[in-house]
Amino acid sequence: MPDIVLPLGAFGLIFVALMGLYRQLRTMQRALDATQRDIAENHSELIKISIALQTIKQRTANSAKDNHVDEFVEIDSDQWLDDQDHRQLRNLKPL
């Protein structure tokens, strides 16, 4: 009987350690999945911002060529502009 206790105890200890490692790996996998979702969402938002900036650059270039600001003023309601930007755009409208 004492000959079997030591191997059984060692087996139990190894099993508990492997279960702890498995739980740690699952937790890390969940965190990695959440991080990947966040990165994908941020990437999507950055693409939208990049497209908007390209549009603004094109409209600004057109406005400079034509000496008109009318097309540039269309971005007045965009969500990433702050109050100062809105004021500046409203001041440009009469031009």
N, C-alpha and C. Protein backbone atom coordinates (compact mmCIF):
# COMPACT_ATOMS: atom_id res chain seq x y z
N MET A 1 0.81 -1.20 0.00
CA MET A 1 0.00 0.00 0.00
C MET A 1 0.86 1.27 0.00
N PRO A 2 1.91 1.37 0.82
CA PRO A 2 2.71 2.60 0.79
C PRO A 2 3.42 2.79 -0.55
N ASP A 3 3.63 1.70 -1.31
CA ASP A 3 4.30 1.84 -2.60
C ASP A 3 3.42 2.56 -3.62
N ILE A 4 2.14 2.48 -3.47
CA ILE A 4 1.21 3.09 -4.43
C ILE A 4 0.85 4.52 -4.05
N VAL A 5 1.02 4.92 -2.81
CA VAL A 5 0.62 6.24 -2.34
C VAL A 5 1.49 7.33 -2.98
N LEU A 6 2.77 7.12 -3.02
CA LEU A 6 3.68 8.13 -3.58
C LEU A 6 3.41 8.37 -5.07
N PRO A 7 3.32 7.35 -5.91
CA PRO A 7 3.01 7.60 -7.33
C PRO A 7 1.62 8.22 -7.53
N LEU A 8 0.65 7.80 -6.71
CA LEU A 8 -0.69 8.38 -6.82
C LEU A 8 -0.68 9.86 -6.43
N GLY A 9 0.05 10.19 -5.39
CA GLY A 9 0.17 11.59 -4.96
C GLY A 9 0.87 12.43 -6.02
N ALA A 10 1.94 11.86 -6.60
CA ALA A 10 2.65 12.57 -7.67
C ALA A 10 1.73 12.77 -8.87
N PHE A 11 0.97 11.76 -9.22
CA PHE A 11 0.03 11.85 -10.34
C PHE A 11 -1.02 12.92 -10.06
N GLY A 12 -1.54 12.95 -8.84
CA GLY A 12 -2.54 13.95 -8.45
C GLY A 12 -1.97 15.36 -8.53
N LEU A 13 -0.74 15.52 -8.06
CA LEU A 13 -0.08 16.83 -8.09
C LEU A 13 0.15 17.29 -9.53
N ILE A 14 0.58 16.39 -10.39
CA ILE A 14 0.80 16.71 -11.80
C ILE A 14 -0.53 17.07 -12.46
N PHE A 15 -1.60 16.33 -12.15
CA PHE A 15 -2.91 16.61 -12.72
C PHE A 15 -3.41 18.00 -12.32
N VAL A 16 -3.25 18.34 -11.05
CA VAL A 16 -3.67 19.66 -10.56
C VAL A 16 -2.86 20.76 -11.25
N ALA A 17 -1.57 20.55 -11.40
CA ALA A 17 -0.72 21.54 -12.07
C ALA A 17 -1.12 21.72 -13.53
N LEU A 18 -1.42 20.61 -14.21
CA LEU A 18 -1.85 20.69 -15.61
C LEU A 18 -3.20 21.38 -15.73
N MET A 19 -4.11 21.15 -14.81
CA MET A 19 -5.40 21.83 -14.83
C MET A 19 -5.23 23.34 -14.62
N GLY A 20 -4.33 23.72 -13.73
CA GLY A 20 -4.05 25.14 -13.51
C GLY A 20 -3.46 25.77 -14.76
N LEU A 21 -2.56 25.06 -15.41
CA LEU A 21 -1.97 25.55 -16.66
C LEU A 21 -3.04 25.69 -17.74
N TYR A 22 -3.93 24.72 -17.83
CA TYR A 22 -5.02 24.76 -18.81
C TYR A 22 -5.92 25.98 -18.57
N ARG A 23 -6.27 26.23 -17.33
CA ARG A 23 -7.10 27.39 -17.01
C ARG A 23 -6.39 28.69 -17.36
N GLN A 24 -5.10 28.75 -17.07
CA GLN A 24 -4.31 29.95 -17.38
C GLN A 24 -4.28 30.18 -18.89
N LEU A 25 -4.10 29.11 -19.66
CA LEU A 25 -4.08 29.23 -21.12
C LEU A 25 -5.44 29.66 -21.66
N ARG A 26 -6.52 29.15 -21.10
CA ARG A 26 -7.86 29.55 -21.54
C ARG A 26 -8.11 31.03 -21.25
N THR A 27 -7.67 31.48 -20.08
CA THR A 27 -7.81 32.89 -19.73
C THR A 27 -7.01 33.76 -20.69
N MET A 28 -5.81 33.34 -20.99
CA MET A 28 -4.97 34.09 -21.94
C MET A 28 -5.59 34.12 -23.33
N GLN A 29 -6.20 33.00 -23.75
CA GLN A 29 -6.84 32.93 -25.07
C GLN A 29 -8.03 33.88 -25.14
N ARG A 30 -8.82 33.93 -24.08
CA ARG A 30 -9.96 34.86 -24.05
C ARG A 30 -9.48 36.30 -24.12
N ALA A 31 -8.42 36.61 -23.37
CA ALA A 31 -7.89 37.98 -23.41
C ALA A 31 -7.35 38.31 -24.80
N LEU A 32 -6.69 37.36 -25.43
CA LEU A 32 -6.18 37.55 -26.78
C LEU A 32 -7.32 37.78 -27.77
N ASP A 33 -8.38 37.00 -27.66
CA ASP A 33 -9.54 37.17 -28.54
C ASP A 33 -10.17 38.55 -28.37
N ALA A 34 -10.30 38.99 -27.12
CA ALA A 34 -10.87 40.31 -26.86
C ALA A 34 -9.97 41.40 -27.44
N THR A 35 -8.68 41.24 -27.29
CA THR A 35 -7.73 42.21 -27.84
C THR A 35 -7.81 42.25 -29.36
N GLN A 36 -7.94 41.09 -29.99
CA GLN A 36 -8.06 41.05 -31.45
C GLN A 36 -9.33 41.74 -31.91
N ARG A 37 -10.43 41.56 -31.19
CA ARG A 37 -11.68 42.25 -31.54
C ARG A 37 -11.50 43.76 -31.42
N ASP A 38 -10.85 44.20 -30.34
CA ASP A 38 -10.62 45.64 -30.15
C ASP A 38 -9.74 46.20 -31.27
N ILE A 39 -8.71 45.47 -31.63
CA ILE A 39 -7.81 45.93 -32.70
C ILE A 39 -8.57 46.01 -34.02
N ALA A 40 -9.39 45.04 -34.32
CA ALA A 40 -10.16 45.06 -35.56
C ALA A 40 -11.13 46.25 -35.58
N GLU A 41 -11.76 46.51 -34.45
CA GLU A 41 -12.68 47.66 -34.37
C GLU A 41 -11.93 48.97 -34.54
N ASN A 42 -10.79 49.09 -33.87
CA ASN A 42 -9.97 50.31 -34.00
C ASN A 42 -9.48 50.48 -35.43
N HIS A 43 -9.10 49.39 -36.06
CA HIS A 43 -8.63 49.45 -37.44
C HIS A 43 -9.75 49.94 -38.36
N SER A 44 -10.94 49.44 -38.14
CA SER A 44 -12.09 49.86 -38.93
C SER A 44 -12.35 51.36 -38.76
N GLU A 45 -12.28 51.83 -37.53
CA GLU A 45 -12.49 53.26 -37.27
C GLU A 45 -11.39 54.10 -37.90
N LEU A 46 -10.15 53.62 -37.84
CA LEU A 46 -9.04 54.36 -38.46
C LEU A 46 -9.20 54.44 -39.97
N ILE A 47 -9.72 53.39 -40.59
CA ILE A 47 -9.97 53.42 -42.03
C ILE A 47 -11.02 54.48 -42.35
N LYS A 48 -12.08 54.54 -41.56
CA LYS A 48 -13.11 55.56 -41.77
C LYS A 48 -12.54 56.97 -41.63
N ILE A 49 -11.70 57.15 -40.61
CA ILE A 49 -11.09 58.47 -40.39
C ILE A 49 -10.16 58.81 -41.54
N SER A 50 -9.40 57.85 -42.01
CA SER A 50 -8.49 58.08 -43.14
C SER A 50 -9.26 58.48 -44.38
N ILE A 51 -10.36 57.81 -44.66
CA ILE A 51 -11.19 58.16 -45.81
C ILE A 51 -11.74 59.57 -45.65
N ALA A 52 -12.21 59.89 -44.46
CA ALA A 52 -12.73 61.24 -44.22
C ALA A 52 -11.65 62.30 -44.41
N LEU A 53 -10.44 62.02 -43.93
CA LEU A 53 -9.35 62.97 -44.11
C LEU A 53 -8.99 63.16 -45.58
N GLN A 54 -9.00 62.08 -46.34
CA GLN A 54 -8.75 62.19 -47.78
C GLN A 54 -9.83 63.05 -48.44
N THR A 55 -11.06 62.86 -48.04
CA THR A 55 -12.16 63.66 -48.58
C THR A 55 -11.96 65.12 -48.24
N ILE A 56 -11.59 65.39 -47.01
CA ILE A 56 -11.36 66.78 -46.59
C ILE A 56 -10.22 67.38 -47.40
N LYS A 57 -9.14 66.63 -47.60
CA LYS A 57 -8.01 67.14 -48.39
C LYS A 57 -8.45 67.45 -49.82
N GLN A 58 -9.25 66.56 -50.41
CA GLN A 58 -9.71 66.80 -51.78
C GLN A 58 -10.61 68.02 -51.84
N ARG A 59 -11.50 68.15 -50.89
CA ARG A 59 -12.41 69.30 -50.88
C ARG A 59 -11.64 70.59 -50.63
N THR A 60 -10.63 70.53 -49.76
CA THR A 60 -9.82 71.72 -49.51
C THR A 60 -9.06 72.10 -50.77
N ALA A 61 -8.50 71.13 -51.46
CA ALA A 61 -7.77 71.41 -52.69
C ALA A 61 -8.71 72.00 -53.74
N ASN A 62 -9.90 71.43 -53.87
CA ASN A 62 -10.88 71.98 -54.81
C ASN A 62 -11.26 73.40 -54.44
N SER A 63 -11.42 73.65 -53.15
CA SER A 63 -11.79 74.98 -52.70
C SER A 63 -10.68 75.98 -52.99
N ALA A 64 -9.45 75.56 -52.81
CA ALA A 64 -8.34 76.46 -53.08
C ALA A 64 -8.26 76.79 -54.57
N LYS A 65 -8.52 75.81 -55.42
CA LYS A 65 -8.48 76.03 -56.87
C LYS A 65 -9.62 76.94 -57.32
N ASP A 66 -10.79 76.73 -56.78
CA ASP A 66 -11.98 77.45 -57.23
C ASP A 66 -12.25 78.72 -56.42
N ASN A 67 -11.47 78.93 -55.37
CA ASN A 67 -11.71 80.03 -54.44
C ASN A 67 -13.10 79.96 -53.83
N HIS A 68 -13.59 78.76 -53.62
CA HIS A 68 -14.89 78.54 -52.97
C HIS A 68 -14.67 77.63 -51.78
N VAL A 69 -15.48 77.84 -50.77
CA VAL A 69 -15.38 77.00 -49.58
C VAL A 69 -16.67 76.21 -49.38
N ASP A 70 -17.59 76.31 -50.29
CA ASP A 70 -18.90 75.69 -50.12
C ASP A 70 -18.81 74.19 -49.89
N GLU A 71 -18.00 73.48 -50.66
CA GLU A 71 -17.93 72.03 -50.51
C GLU A 71 -17.27 71.64 -49.18
N PHE A 72 -16.34 72.44 -48.73
CA PHE A 72 -15.65 72.14 -47.47
C PHE A 72 -16.60 72.27 -46.30
N VAL A 73 -17.58 73.13 -46.39
CA VAL A 73 -18.50 73.39 -45.29
C VAL A 73 -19.43 72.20 -45.05
N GLU A 74 -19.56 71.28 -46.00
CA GLU A 74 -20.42 70.13 -45.82
C GLU A 74 -20.02 69.25 -44.64
N ILE A 75 -18.79 69.32 -44.20
CA ILE A 75 -18.36 68.48 -43.08
C ILE A 75 -18.70 69.10 -41.74
N ASP A 76 -19.47 70.18 -41.75
CA ASP A 76 -19.81 70.90 -40.53
C ASP A 76 -20.39 69.99 -39.45
N SER A 77 -21.14 68.97 -39.80
CA SER A 77 -21.79 68.14 -38.79
C SER A 77 -21.01 66.88 -38.45
N ASP A 78 -19.80 66.71 -38.96
CA ASP A 78 -19.04 65.50 -38.66
C ASP A 78 -18.73 65.42 -37.17
N GLN A 79 -18.78 64.21 -36.64
CA GLN A 79 -18.71 64.01 -35.19
C GLN A 79 -17.35 64.28 -34.57
N TRP A 80 -16.27 64.21 -35.34
CA TRP A 80 -14.96 64.36 -34.70
C TRP A 80 -14.50 65.82 -34.64
N LEU A 81 -15.29 66.74 -35.17
CA LEU A 81 -14.93 68.15 -35.07
C LEU A 81 -15.33 68.68 -33.70
N ASP A 82 -14.50 69.53 -33.14
CA ASP A 82 -14.85 70.13 -31.85
C ASP A 82 -15.54 71.47 -32.09
N ASP A 83 -15.91 72.16 -31.02
CA ASP A 83 -16.66 73.41 -31.14
C ASP A 83 -15.88 74.47 -31.89
N GLN A 84 -14.58 74.54 -31.68
CA GLN A 84 -13.77 75.54 -32.37
C GLN A 84 -13.79 75.29 -33.88
N ASP A 85 -13.69 74.03 -34.29
CA ASP A 85 -13.77 73.71 -35.71
C ASP A 85 -15.12 74.11 -36.30
N HIS A 86 -16.19 73.86 -35.55
CA HIS A 86 -17.52 74.24 -36.02
C HIS A 86 -17.62 75.76 -36.19
N ARG A 87 -17.07 76.51 -35.23
CA ARG A 87 -17.08 77.97 -35.33
C ARG A 87 -16.32 78.44 -36.56
N GLN A 88 -15.14 77.84 -36.79
CA GLN A 88 -14.34 78.24 -37.94
C GLN A 88 -15.07 77.93 -39.25
N LEU A 89 -15.72 76.79 -39.31
CA LEU A 89 -16.47 76.45 -40.52
C LEU A 89 -17.66 77.38 -40.75
N ARG A 90 -18.35 77.74 -39.67
CA ARG A 90 -19.47 78.68 -39.81
C ARG A 90 -18.96 80.03 -40.29
N ASN A 91 -17.79 80.44 -39.84
CA ASN A 91 -17.21 81.71 -40.29
C ASN A 91 -16.82 81.65 -41.75
N LEU A 92 -16.49 80.45 -42.26
CA LEU A 92 -16.10 80.30 -43.66
C LEU A 92 -17.31 80.27 -44.61
N LYS A 93 -18.48 79.94 -44.12
CA LYS A 93 -19.66 79.81 -44.98
C LYS A 93 -19.94 81.04 -45.83
N PRO A 94 -19.86 82.27 -45.27
CA PRO A 94 -20.17 83.44 -46.10
C PRO A 94 -19.20 83.65 -47.27
N LEU A 95 -18.02 83.07 -47.17
CA LEU A 95 -17.04 83.24 -48.25
C LEU A 95 -17.55 82.58 -49.51
